[in-house]
Amino acid sequence: MSDIRDQEDAHEFRVEALSLWRITFGPLIWALHFVASYGAAALVCAKASAGAVEALRIGIGVGTLLALALILWLAVRAWRQWDLRRDPEWENDKGTSEDRHQFLGHAAFLLSVISFIGVVYVALPALLIGSCA
């Protein structure tokens, strides 16, 4: 009986550890996109070649689409973990493992939404600025 309980506890720990990691992935993608976009812009503008600005825009556009797709994928997985359709209760105050699991899904979903918006705002200068000068 003790072995079964230990296995259940180990499984629950692995699932929740993955949930904790999932919370960090959206903001991490946002941060990497920010550093890559502004770092590439700084390098291209320091070199100041004419055709490189257009290539920079395309590169930032591709990187933005990739980052948004990854964040969207994380948001869908977090939404499923939150499981609002099956359990429409917004409060998870009982402290059960299911409440913690749903709370971590909720937190990961909201962080994914914020990260999605952040990536869009980071990419706006590439669309709006004509040159480095």
C-alpha atoms as a PDB file:
ATOM      1  CA  MET A   1       0.000   0.000   0.000  1.00  0.00           C
ATOM      2  CA  SER A   2       2.854   2.351   0.841  1.00  0.00           C
ATOM      3  CA  ASP A   3       4.555   1.717  -2.523  1.00  0.00           C
ATOM      4  CA  ILE A   4       1.429   2.702  -4.453  1.00  0.00           C
ATOM      5  CA  ARG A   5       1.110   5.919  -2.454  1.00  0.00           C
ATOM      6  CA  ASP A   6       4.806   6.679  -3.010  1.00  0.00           C
ATOM      7  CA  GLN A   7       4.393   6.184  -6.758  1.00  0.00           C
ATOM      8  CA  GLU A   8       1.342   8.457  -6.807  1.00  0.00           C
ATOM      9  CA  ASP A   9       3.250  11.114  -4.868  1.00  0.00           C
ATOM     10  CA  ALA A  10       6.220  10.863  -7.232  1.00  0.00           C
ATOM     11  CA  HIS A  11       3.935  11.180 -10.265  1.00  0.00           C
ATOM     12  CA  GLU A  12       2.154  14.195  -8.757  1.00  0.00           C
ATOM     13  CA  PHE A  13       5.510  15.820  -7.986  1.00  0.00           C
ATOM     14  CA  ARG A  14       6.693  15.343 -11.601  1.00  0.00           C
ATOM     15  CA  VAL A  15       3.477  16.827 -12.974  1.00  0.00           C
ATOM     16  CA  GLU A  16       3.627  19.856 -10.693  1.00  0.00           C
ATOM     17  CA  ALA A  17       7.344  20.365 -11.343  1.00  0.00           C
ATOM     18  CA  LEU A  18       6.554  20.492 -15.059  1.00  0.00           C
ATOM     19  CA  SER A  19       3.769  22.975 -14.321  1.00  0.00           C
ATOM     20  CA  LEU A  20       6.219  25.206 -12.471  1.00  0.00           C
ATOM     21  CA  TRP A  21       8.605  25.092 -15.425  1.00  0.00           C
ATOM     22  CA  ARG A  22       5.735  25.833 -17.811  1.00  0.00           C
ATOM     23  CA  ILE A  23       5.062  29.073 -15.925  1.00  0.00           C
ATOM     24  CA  THR A  24       8.555  30.318 -16.778  1.00  0.00           C
ATOM     25  CA  PHE A  25       8.603  29.383 -20.478  1.00  0.00           C
ATOM     26  CA  GLY A  26       6.348  32.206 -21.770  1.00  0.00           C
ATOM     27  CA  PRO A  27       8.329  35.032 -20.130  1.00  0.00           C
ATOM     28  CA  LEU A  28      11.577  33.275 -21.107  1.00  0.00           C
ATOM     29  CA  ILE A  29      10.559  33.233 -24.778  1.00  0.00           C
ATOM     30  CA  TRP A  30       9.608  36.908 -24.495  1.00  0.00           C
ATOM     31  CA  ALA A  31      12.986  37.764 -22.950  1.00  0.00           C
ATOM     32  CA  LEU A  32      14.940  35.800 -25.567  1.00  0.00           C
ATOM     33  CA  HIS A  33      12.955  37.468 -28.351  1.00  0.00           C
ATOM     34  CA  PHE A  34      13.657  40.879 -26.809  1.00  0.00           C
ATOM     35  CA  VAL A  35      17.400  40.278 -26.527  1.00  0.00           C
ATOM     36  CA  ALA A  36      17.666  38.768 -30.011  1.00  0.00           C
ATOM     37  CA  SER A  37      15.623  41.527 -31.678  1.00  0.00           C
ATOM     38  CA  TYR A  38      17.330  44.479 -30.060  1.00  0.00           C
ATOM     39  CA  GLY A  39      20.772  42.852 -30.221  1.00  0.00           C
ATOM     40  CA  ALA A  40      20.388  42.188 -33.939  1.00  0.00           C
ATOM     41  CA  ALA A  41      19.101  45.731 -34.491  1.00  0.00           C
ATOM     42  CA  ALA A  42      22.089  47.171 -32.647  1.00  0.00           C
ATOM     43  CA  LEU A  43      24.535  45.104 -34.696  1.00  0.00           C
ATOM     44  CA  VAL A  44      22.912  45.926 -38.030  1.00  0.00           C
ATOM     45  CA  CYS A  45      22.614  49.619 -37.250  1.00  0.00           C
ATOM     46  CA  ALA A  46      26.250  49.755 -36.114  1.00  0.00           C
ATOM     47  CA  LYS A  47      27.307  48.357 -39.494  1.00  0.00           C
ATOM     48  CA  ALA A  48      24.796  50.658 -41.272  1.00  0.00           C
ATOM     49  CA  SER A  49      24.530  48.803 -44.566  1.00  0.00           C
ATOM     50  CA  ALA A  50      21.495  49.630 -46.682  1.00  0.00           C
ATOM     51  CA  GLY A  51      20.218  46.145 -47.511  1.00  0.00           C
ATOM     52  CA  ALA A  52      20.801  44.820 -44.020  1.00  0.00           C
ATOM     53  CA  VAL A  53      17.923  46.819 -42.526  1.00  0.00           C
ATOM     54  CA  GLU A  54      15.413  45.040 -44.751  1.00  0.00           C
ATOM     55  CA  ALA A  55      16.957  41.667 -43.884  1.00  0.00           C
ATOM     56  CA  LEU A  56      16.771  42.655 -40.211  1.00  0.00           C
ATOM     57  CA  ARG A  57      13.049  43.353 -40.551  1.00  0.00           C
ATOM     58  CA  ILE A  58      12.462  39.978 -42.150  1.00  0.00           C
ATOM     59  CA  GLY A  59      14.544  38.267 -39.465  1.00  0.00           C
ATOM     60  CA  ILE A  60      12.686  39.988 -36.651  1.00  0.00           C
ATOM     61  CA  GLY A  61       9.399  39.124 -38.355  1.00  0.00           C
ATOM     62  CA  VAL A  62      10.299  35.439 -38.592  1.00  0.00           C
ATOM     63  CA  GLY A  63      11.574  35.409 -35.005  1.00  0.00           C
ATOM     64  CA  THR A  64       8.392  37.118 -33.848  1.00  0.00           C
ATOM     65  CA  LEU A  65       6.173  34.596 -35.597  1.00  0.00           C
ATOM     66  CA  LEU A  66       8.157  31.731 -34.086  1.00  0.00           C
ATOM     67  CA  ALA A  67       8.007  33.244 -30.593  1.00  0.00           C
ATOM     68  CA  LEU A  68       4.265  33.909 -30.892  1.00  0.00           C
ATOM     69  CA  ALA A  69       3.624  30.358 -32.088  1.00  0.00           C
ATOM     70  CA  LEU A  70       5.565  28.903 -29.143  1.00  0.00           C
ATOM     71  CA  ILE A  71       3.775  31.139 -26.648  1.00  0.00           C
ATOM     72  CA  LEU A  72       0.411  30.282 -28.184  1.00  0.00           C
ATOM     73  CA  TRP A  73       1.232  26.574 -27.888  1.00  0.00           C
ATOM     74  CA  LEU A  74       2.143  27.079 -24.215  1.00  0.00           C
ATOM     75  CA  ALA A  75      -1.081  29.021 -23.634  1.00  0.00           C
ATOM     76  CA  VAL A  76      -3.193  26.216 -25.095  1.00  0.00           C
ATOM     77  CA  ARG A  77      -1.470  23.645 -22.881  1.00  0.00           C
ATOM     78  CA  ALA A  78      -1.924  25.879 -19.821  1.00  0.00           C
ATOM     79  CA  TRP A  79      -5.603  26.425 -20.710  1.00  0.00           C
ATOM     80  CA  ARG A  80      -6.095  22.665 -20.805  1.00  0.00           C
ATOM     81  CA  GLN A  81      -4.372  22.309 -17.443  1.00  0.00           C
ATOM     82  CA  TRP A  82      -6.544  25.054 -15.971  1.00  0.00           C
ATOM     83  CA  ASP A  83      -9.551  23.019 -17.192  1.00  0.00           C
ATOM     84  CA  LEU A  84     -12.090  25.807 -16.821  1.00  0.00           C
ATOM     85  CA  ARG A  85     -14.654  24.088 -19.040  1.00  0.00           C
ATOM     86  CA  ARG A  86     -14.925  20.990 -16.853  1.00  0.00           C
ATOM     87  CA  ASP A  87     -14.628  22.816 -13.532  1.00  0.00           C
ATOM     88  CA  PRO A  88     -15.947  26.389 -13.959  1.00  0.00           C
ATOM     89  CA  GLU A  89     -15.105  27.300 -10.376  1.00  0.00           C
ATOM     90  CA  TRP A  90     -12.777  30.308 -10.425  1.00  0.00           C
ATOM     91  CA  GLU A  91     -11.643  29.830  -6.846  1.00  0.00           C
ATOM     92  CA  ASN A  92      -9.267  27.088  -5.864  1.00  0.00           C
ATOM     93  CA  ASP A  93      -9.040  27.687  -2.144  1.00  0.00           C
ATOM     94  CA  LYS A  94      -9.348  24.151  -0.797  1.00  0.00           C
ATOM     95  CA  GLY A  95      -5.624  23.433  -1.088  1.00  0.00           C
ATOM     96  CA  THR A  96      -6.043  20.083  -2.771  1.00  0.00           C
ATOM     97  CA  SER A  97      -3.605  18.828  -5.348  1.00  0.00           C
ATOM     98  CA  GLU A  98      -6.218  19.394  -8.063  1.00  0.00           C
ATOM     99  CA  ASP A  99      -6.634  23.022  -6.915  1.00  0.00           C
ATOM    100  CA  ARG A 100      -2.872  23.570  -7.078  1.00  0.00           C
ATOM    101  CA  HIS A 101      -2.720  21.937 -10.495  1.00  0.00           C
ATOM    102  CA  GLN A 102      -5.474  24.195 -11.851  1.00  0.00           C
ATOM    103  CA  PHE A 103      -3.941  27.287 -10.239  1.00  0.00           C
ATOM    104  CA  LEU A 104      -0.594  26.606 -11.903  1.00  0.00           C
ATOM    105  CA  GLY A 105      -2.396  26.215 -15.239  1.00  0.00           C
ATOM    106  CA  HIS A 106      -4.203  29.511 -14.656  1.00  0.00           C
ATOM    107  CA  ALA A 107      -0.962  31.293 -13.788  1.00  0.00           C
ATOM    108  CA  ALA A 108       0.840  29.835 -16.814  1.00  0.00           C
ATOM    109  CA  PHE A 109      -2.035  30.874 -19.092  1.00  0.00           C
ATOM    110  CA  LEU A 110      -2.023  34.463 -17.820  1.00  0.00           C
ATOM    111  CA  LEU A 111       1.762  34.693 -18.132  1.00  0.00           C
ATOM    112  CA  SER A 112       1.484  33.390 -21.689  1.00  0.00           C
ATOM    113  CA  VAL A 113      -1.026  36.131 -22.513  1.00  0.00           C
ATOM    114  CA  ILE A 114       1.267  38.811 -21.058  1.00  0.00           C
ATOM    115  CA  SER A 115       4.253  37.338 -22.908  1.00  0.00           C
ATOM    116  CA  PHE A 116       2.315  37.279 -26.191  1.00  0.00           C
ATOM    117  CA  ILE A 117       1.512  40.977 -25.816  1.00  0.00           C
ATOM    118  CA  GLY A 118       5.141  41.710 -24.859  1.00  0.00           C
ATOM    119  CA  VAL A 119       6.495  39.981 -27.968  1.00  0.00           C
ATOM    120  CA  VAL A 120       4.104  41.980 -30.159  1.00  0.00           C
ATOM    121  CA  TYR A 121       5.283  45.246 -28.587  1.00  0.00           C
ATOM    122  CA  VAL A 122       8.948  44.282 -28.949  1.00  0.00           C
ATOM    123  CA  ALA A 123       8.413  43.641 -32.660  1.00  0.00           C
ATOM    124  CA  LEU A 124       6.595  46.946 -33.356  1.00  0.00           C
ATOM    125  CA  PRO A 125       9.737  49.075 -33.880  1.00  0.00           C
ATOM    126  CA  ALA A 126      10.882  46.733 -36.657  1.00  0.00           C
ATOM    127  CA  LEU A 127       7.628  47.433 -38.461  1.00  0.00           C
ATOM    128  CA  LEU A 128       7.504  51.172 -37.805  1.00  0.00           C
ATOM    129  CA  ILE A 129      11.084  52.384 -38.180  1.00  0.00           C
ATOM    130  CA  GLY A 130      12.333  52.992 -41.725  1.00  0.00           C
ATOM    131  CA  SER A 131      16.074  53.108 -41.114  1.00  0.00           C
ATOM    132  CA  CYS A 132      18.695  53.177 -38.402  1.00  0.00           C
ATOM    133  CA  ALA A 133      19.444  56.867 -38.855  1.00  0.00           C
END
